[in-house]
């Protein structure tokens, strides 16, 4: 009975859970890499914009409802 209880409590690591954690960690790394790439691309595109400074400094205003 004690073995069944200890196994039920989860003393050991579940192989499926460990595989899922590895998969999710790899996915997080992929997403962080993609986000970094998007930030760099956005920065380079923003630097290449040749719009007048007053147009660039406009702030968004809420839409009228």
PDB file of N, CA and C in Angstrom:
ATOM      1  N   UNK A   1       0.824  -1.189   0.000  1.00  0.00           N
ATOM      2  CA  UNK A   1       0.000   0.000   0.000  1.00  0.00           C
ATOM      3  C   UNK A   1       0.873   1.260   0.000  1.00  0.00           C
ATOM      4  N   UNK A   2       1.963   1.245   0.742  1.00  0.00           N
ATOM      5  CA  UNK A   2       2.835   2.419   0.802  1.00  0.00           C
ATOM      6  C   UNK A   2       3.435   2.721  -0.564  1.00  0.00           C
ATOM      7  N   UNK A   3       3.809   1.686  -1.317  1.00  0.00           N
ATOM      8  CA  UNK A   3       4.354   1.905  -2.658  1.00  0.00           C
ATOM      9  C   UNK A   3       3.315   2.572  -3.555  1.00  0.00           C
ATOM     10  N   UNK A   4       2.100   2.122  -3.471  1.00  0.00           N
ATOM     11  CA  UNK A   4       1.042   2.705  -4.293  1.00  0.00           C
ATOM     12  C   UNK A   4       0.829   4.171  -3.928  1.00  0.00           C
ATOM     13  N   UNK A   5       0.866   4.483  -2.655  1.00  0.00           N
ATOM     14  CA  UNK A   5       0.680   5.871  -2.237  1.00  0.00           C
ATOM     15  C   UNK A   5       1.844   6.749  -2.680  1.00  0.00           C
ATOM     16  N   UNK A   6       3.061   6.245  -2.528  1.00  0.00           N
ATOM     17  CA  UNK A   6       4.222   7.032  -2.944  1.00  0.00           C
ATOM     18  C   UNK A   6       4.215   7.263  -4.450  1.00  0.00           C
ATOM     19  N   UNK A   7       3.854   6.248  -5.194  1.00  0.00           N
ATOM     20  CA  UNK A   7       3.767   6.412  -6.640  1.00  0.00           C
ATOM     21  C   UNK A   7       2.679   7.388  -7.026  1.00  0.00           C
ATOM     22  N   UNK A   8       1.600   7.366  -6.278  1.00  0.00           N
ATOM     23  CA  UNK A   8       0.485   8.258  -6.569  1.00  0.00           C
ATOM     24  C   UNK A   8       0.832   9.713  -6.248  1.00  0.00           C
ATOM     25  N   UNK A   9       1.609   9.917  -5.203  1.00  0.00           N
ATOM     26  CA  UNK A   9       1.996  11.267  -4.812  1.00  0.00           C
ATOM     27  C   UNK A   9       2.918  11.880  -5.861  1.00  0.00           C
ATOM     28  N   UNK A  10       3.663  11.056  -6.557  1.00  0.00           N
ATOM     29  CA  UNK A  10       4.508  11.562  -7.629  1.00  0.00           C
ATOM     30  C   UNK A  10       5.921  11.846  -7.196  1.00  0.00           C
ATOM     31  N   UNK A  11       6.547  10.909  -6.522  1.00  0.00           N
ATOM     32  CA  UNK A  11       7.927  11.092  -6.075  1.00  0.00           C
ATOM     33  C   UNK A  11       8.872  11.198  -7.271  1.00  0.00           C
ATOM     34  N   UNK A  12       8.691  10.357  -8.258  1.00  0.00           N
ATOM     35  CA  UNK A  12       9.563  10.375  -9.436  1.00  0.00           C
ATOM     36  C   UNK A  12       9.065  11.371 -10.468  1.00  0.00           C
ATOM     37  N   UNK A  13       9.888  11.603 -11.497  1.00  0.00           N
ATOM     38  CA  UNK A  13       9.463  12.494 -12.574  1.00  0.00           C
ATOM     39  C   UNK A  13       8.788  11.676 -13.657  1.00  0.00           C
ATOM     40  N   UNK A  14       7.736  12.194 -14.169  1.00  0.00           N
ATOM     41  CA  UNK A  14       7.008  11.548 -15.250  1.00  0.00           C
ATOM     42  C   UNK A  14       7.734  11.867 -16.559  1.00  0.00           C
ATOM     43  N   UNK A  15       8.014  10.849 -17.353  1.00  0.00           N
ATOM     44  CA  UNK A  15       8.748  11.050 -18.606  1.00  0.00           C
ATOM     45  C   UNK A  15       7.969  11.956 -19.555  1.00  0.00           C
ATOM     46  N   UNK A  16       6.653  11.812 -19.573  1.00  0.00           N
ATOM     47  CA  UNK A  16       5.843  12.661 -20.456  1.00  0.00           C
ATOM     48  C   UNK A  16       5.898  14.118 -20.018  1.00  0.00           C
ATOM     49  N   UNK A  17       5.860  14.331 -18.714  1.00  0.00           N
ATOM     50  CA  UNK A  17       5.927  15.696 -18.195  1.00  0.00           C
ATOM     51  C   UNK A  17       7.289  16.322 -18.493  1.00  0.00           C
ATOM     52  N   UNK A  18       8.347  15.555 -18.318  1.00  0.00           N
ATOM     53  CA  UNK A  18       9.691  16.066 -18.601  1.00  0.00           C
ATOM     54  C   UNK A  18       9.849  16.395 -20.085  1.00  0.00           C
ATOM     55  N   UNK A  19       9.288  15.552 -20.958  1.00  0.00           N
ATOM     56  CA  UNK A  19       9.357  15.815 -22.397  1.00  0.00           C
ATOM     57  C   UNK A  19       8.571  17.072 -22.755  1.00  0.00           C
ATOM     58  N   UNK A  20       7.423  17.250 -22.117  1.00  0.00           N
ATOM     59  CA  UNK A  20       6.613  18.442 -22.366  1.00  0.00           C
ATOM     60  C   UNK A  20       7.343  19.706 -21.911  1.00  0.00           C
ATOM     61  N   UNK A  21       8.007  19.642 -20.782  1.00  0.00           N
ATOM     62  CA  UNK A  21       8.771  20.791 -20.283  1.00  0.00           C
ATOM     63  C   UNK A  21       9.906  21.119 -21.242  1.00  0.00           C
ATOM     64  N   UNK A  22      10.608  20.097 -21.737  1.00  0.00           N
ATOM     65  CA  UNK A  22      11.685  20.340 -22.709  1.00  0.00           C
ATOM     66  C   UNK A  22      11.136  20.980 -23.977  1.00  0.00           C
ATOM     67  N   UNK A  23       9.989  20.473 -24.447  1.00  0.00           N
ATOM     68  CA  UNK A  23       9.378  21.015 -25.658  1.00  0.00           C
ATOM     69  C   UNK A  23       8.963  22.472 -25.453  1.00  0.00           C
ATOM     70  N   UNK A  24       8.380  22.770 -24.306  1.00  0.00           N
ATOM     71  CA  UNK A  24       7.950  24.138 -24.034  1.00  0.00           C
ATOM     72  C   UNK A  24       9.136  25.086 -23.880  1.00  0.00           C
ATOM     73  N   UNK A  25      10.207  24.623 -23.265  1.00  0.00           N
ATOM     74  CA  UNK A  25      11.405  25.465 -23.138  1.00  0.00           C
ATOM     75  C   UNK A  25      12.001  25.778 -24.503  1.00  0.00           C
ATOM     76  N   UNK A  26      12.025  24.777 -25.387  1.00  0.00           N
ATOM     77  CA  UNK A  26      12.532  25.003 -26.743  1.00  0.00           C
ATOM     78  C   UNK A  26      11.636  25.993 -27.484  1.00  0.00           C
ATOM     79  N   UNK A  27      10.327  25.886 -27.282  1.00  0.00           N
ATOM     80  CA  UNK A  27       9.386  26.802 -27.932  1.00  0.00           C
ATOM     81  C   UNK A  27       9.579  28.233 -27.432  1.00  0.00           C
ATOM     82  N   UNK A  28       9.819  28.386 -26.146  1.00  0.00           N
ATOM     83  CA  UNK A  28      10.067  29.717 -25.578  1.00  0.00           C
ATOM     84  C   UNK A  28      11.321  30.321 -26.194  1.00  0.00           C
ATOM     85  N   UNK A  29      12.362  29.519 -26.345  1.00  0.00           N
ATOM     86  CA  UNK A  29      13.602  30.011 -26.965  1.00  0.00           C
ATOM     87  C   UNK A  29      13.338  30.442 -28.400  1.00  0.00           C
ATOM     88  N   UNK A  30      12.563  29.641 -29.154  1.00  0.00           N
ATOM     89  CA  UNK A  30      12.226  30.001 -30.532  1.00  0.00           C
ATOM     90  C   UNK A  30      11.444  31.312 -30.587  1.00  0.00           C
ATOM     91  N   UNK A  31      10.483  31.470 -29.688  1.00  0.00           N
ATOM     92  CA  UNK A  31       9.677  32.687 -29.678  1.00  0.00           C
ATOM     93  C   UNK A  31      10.498  33.905 -29.269  1.00  0.00           C
ATOM     94  N   UNK A  32      11.403  33.739 -28.319  1.00  0.00           N
ATOM     95  CA  UNK A  32      12.267  34.853 -27.925  1.00  0.00           C
ATOM     96  C   UNK A  32      13.178  35.265 -29.070  1.00  0.00           C
ATOM     97  N   UNK A  33      13.681  34.293 -29.828  1.00  0.00           N
ATOM     98  CA  UNK A  33      14.523  34.583 -30.985  1.00  0.00           C
ATOM     99  C   UNK A  33      13.738  35.338 -32.050  1.00  0.00           C
ATOM    100  N   UNK A  34      12.509  34.887 -32.316  1.00  0.00           N
ATOM    101  CA  UNK A  34      11.669  35.560 -33.308  1.00  0.00           C
ATOM    102  C   UNK A  34      11.325  36.976 -32.865  1.00  0.00           C
ATOM    103  N   UNK A  35      11.056  37.162 -31.586  1.00  0.00           N
ATOM    104  CA  UNK A  35      10.747  38.492 -31.069  1.00  0.00           C
ATOM    105  C   UNK A  35      11.947  39.418 -31.192  1.00  0.00           C
ATOM    106  N   UNK A  36      13.130  38.908 -30.886  1.00  0.00           N
ATOM    107  CA  UNK A  36      14.348  39.712 -31.013  1.00  0.00           C
ATOM    108  C   UNK A  36      14.568  40.111 -32.470  1.00  0.00           C
ATOM    109  N   UNK A  37      14.348  39.168 -33.385  1.00  0.00           N
ATOM    110  CA  UNK A  37      14.494  39.453 -34.807  1.00  0.00           C
ATOM    111  C   UNK A  37      13.482  40.520 -35.246  1.00  0.00           C
ATOM    112  N   UNK A  38      12.250  40.430 -34.758  1.00  0.00           N
ATOM    113  CA  UNK A  38      11.226  41.413 -35.111  1.00  0.00           C
ATOM    114  C   UNK A  38      11.572  42.793 -34.558  1.00  0.00           C
ATOM    115  N   UNK A  39      12.112  42.836 -33.344  1.00  0.00           N
ATOM    116  CA  UNK A  39      12.530  44.119 -32.766  1.00  0.00           C
ATOM    117  C   UNK A  39      13.640  44.751 -33.598  1.00  0.00           C
ATOM    118  N   UNK A  40      14.619  43.947 -34.003  1.00  0.00           N
ATOM    119  CA  UNK A  40      15.718  44.490 -34.805  1.00  0.00           C
ATOM    120  C   UNK A  40      15.217  44.982 -36.159  1.00  0.00           C
ATOM    121  N   UNK A  41      14.317  44.226 -36.783  1.00  0.00           N
ATOM    122  CA  UNK A  41      13.755  44.638 -38.065  1.00  0.00           C
ATOM    123  C   UNK A  41      12.949  45.922 -37.907  1.00  0.00           C
ATOM    124  N   UNK A  42      12.163  46.006 -36.858  1.00  0.00           N
ATOM    125  CA  UNK A  42      11.372  47.213 -36.605  1.00  0.00           C
ATOM    126  C   UNK A  42      12.279  48.419 -36.389  1.00  0.00           C
ATOM    127  N   UNK A  43      13.347  48.234 -35.633  1.00  0.00           N
ATOM    128  CA  UNK A  43      14.282  49.334 -35.392  1.00  0.00           C
ATOM    129  C   UNK A  43      14.930  49.805 -36.687  1.00  0.00           C
ATOM    130  N   UNK A  44      15.316  48.859 -37.547  1.00  0.00           N
ATOM    131  CA  UNK A  44      15.950  49.250 -38.807  1.00  0.00           C
ATOM    132  C   UNK A  44      14.950  49.934 -39.733  1.00  0.00           C
ATOM    133  N   UNK A  45      13.704  49.476 -39.739  1.00  0.00           N
ATOM    134  CA  UNK A  45      12.693  50.126 -40.569  1.00  0.00           C
ATOM    135  C   UNK A  45      12.353  51.517 -40.039  1.00  0.00           C
ATOM    136  N   UNK A  46      12.276  51.655 -38.731  1.00  0.00           N
ATOM    137  CA  UNK A  46      11.980  52.965 -38.146  1.00  0.00           C
ATOM    138  C   UNK A  46      13.110  53.949 -38.421  1.00  0.00           C
ATOM    139  N   UNK A  47      14.339  53.466 -38.447  1.00  0.00           N
ATOM    140  CA  UNK A  47      15.477  54.341 -38.727  1.00  0.00           C
ATOM    141  C   UNK A  47      15.490  54.780 -40.186  1.00  0.00           C
ATOM    142  N   UNK A  48      14.918  53.976 -41.067  1.00  0.00           N
ATOM    143  CA  UNK A  48      14.930  54.295 -42.487  1.00  0.00           C
ATOM    144  C   UNK A  48      13.779  55.203 -42.905  1.00  0.00           C
ATOM    145  N   UNK A  49      12.852  55.478 -42.016  1.00  0.00           N
ATOM    146  CA  UNK A  49      11.698  56.308 -42.352  1.00  0.00           C
ATOM    147  C   UNK A  49      12.148  57.742 -42.585  1.00  0.00           C
ATOM    148  N   UNK A  50      11.662  58.329 -43.663  1.00  0.00           N
ATOM    149  CA  UNK A  50      12.027  59.709 -43.978  1.00  0.00           C
ATOM    150  C   UNK A  50      10.787  60.601 -43.951  1.00  0.00           C
ATOM    151  N   UNK A  51      10.018  60.472 -42.916  1.00  0.00           N
ATOM    152  CA  UNK A  51       8.824  61.297 -42.743  1.00  0.00           C
ATOM    153  C   UNK A  51       9.217  62.513 -41.914  1.00  0.00           C
ATOM    154  N   UNK A  52       8.531  63.597 -42.116  1.00  0.00           N
ATOM    155  CA  UNK A  52       8.846  64.806 -41.357  1.00  0.00           C
ATOM    156  C   UNK A  52       8.705  64.540 -39.866  1.00  0.00           C
ATOM    157  N   UNK A  53       9.513  65.214 -39.086  1.00  0.00           N
ATOM    158  CA  UNK A  53       9.542  64.975 -37.650  1.00  0.00           C
ATOM    159  C   UNK A  53       8.199  65.217 -36.974  1.00  0.00           C
ATOM    160  N   UNK A  54       7.440  66.208 -37.438  1.00  0.00           N
ATOM    161  CA  UNK A  54       6.156  66.464 -36.789  1.00  0.00           C
ATOM    162  C   UNK A  54       5.163  65.331 -37.040  1.00  0.00           C
ATOM    163  N   UNK A  55       5.244  64.684 -38.169  1.00  0.00           N
ATOM    164  CA  UNK A  55       4.373  63.539 -38.430  1.00  0.00           C
ATOM    165  C   UNK A  55       4.788  62.337 -37.594  1.00  0.00           C
ATOM    166  N   UNK A  56       6.082  62.202 -37.377  1.00  0.00           N
ATOM    167  CA  UNK A  56       6.577  61.072 -36.607  1.00  0.00           C
ATOM    168  C   UNK A  56       6.220  61.197 -35.121  1.00  0.00           C
ATOM    169  N   UNK A  57       6.056  62.422 -34.664  1.00  0.00           N
ATOM    170  CA  UNK A  57       5.799  62.629 -33.241  1.00  0.00           C
ATOM    171  C   UNK A  57       4.310  62.686 -32.900  1.00  0.00           C
ATOM    172  N   UNK A  58       3.439  62.471 -33.862  1.00  0.00           N
ATOM    173  CA  UNK A  58       2.005  62.483 -33.573  1.00  0.00           C
ATOM    174  C   UNK A  58       1.649  61.344 -32.636  1.00  0.00           C
ATOM    175  N   UNK A  59       0.776  61.640 -31.717  1.00  0.00           N
ATOM    176  CA  UNK A  59       0.324  60.622 -30.774  1.00  0.00           C
ATOM    177  C   UNK A  59      -1.045  60.120 -31.213  1.00  0.00           C
ATOM    178  N   UNK A  60      -1.299  58.860 -30.953  1.00  0.00           N
ATOM    179  CA  UNK A  60      -2.599  58.303 -31.294  1.00  0.00           C
ATOM    180  C   UNK A  60      -3.657  58.916 -30.394  1.00  0.00           C
ATOM    181  N   UNK A  61      -4.786  59.197 -30.994  1.00  0.00           N
ATOM    182  CA  UNK A  61      -5.903  59.730 -30.234  1.00  0.00           C
ATOM    183  C   UNK A  61      -7.022  58.697 -30.238  1.00  0.00           C
ATOM    184  N   UNK A  62      -7.807  58.647 -29.193  1.00  0.00           N
ATOM    185  CA  UNK A  62      -8.901  57.676 -29.170  1.00  0.00           C
ATOM    186  C   UNK A  62      -9.940  58.005 -30.235  1.00  0.00           C
ATOM    187  N   UNK A  63     -10.548  56.978 -30.774  1.00  0.00           N
ATOM    188  CA  UNK A  63     -11.573  57.165 -31.793  1.00  0.00           C
ATOM    189  C   UNK A  63     -12.836  57.723 -31.154  1.00  0.00           C
ATOM    190  N   UNK A  64     -13.525  58.533 -31.907  1.00  0.00           N
ATOM    191  CA  UNK A  64     -14.790  59.074 -31.411  1.00  0.00           C
ATOM    192  C   UNK A  64     -15.862  58.002 -31.515  1.00  0.00           C
ATOM    193  N   UNK A  65     -16.640  57.875 -30.470  1.00  0.00           N
ATOM    194  CA  UNK A  65     -17.709  56.863 -30.503  1.00  0.00           C
ATOM    195  C   UNK A  65     -19.066  57.511 -30.433  1.00  0.00           C
TER     196      UNK A  65
END
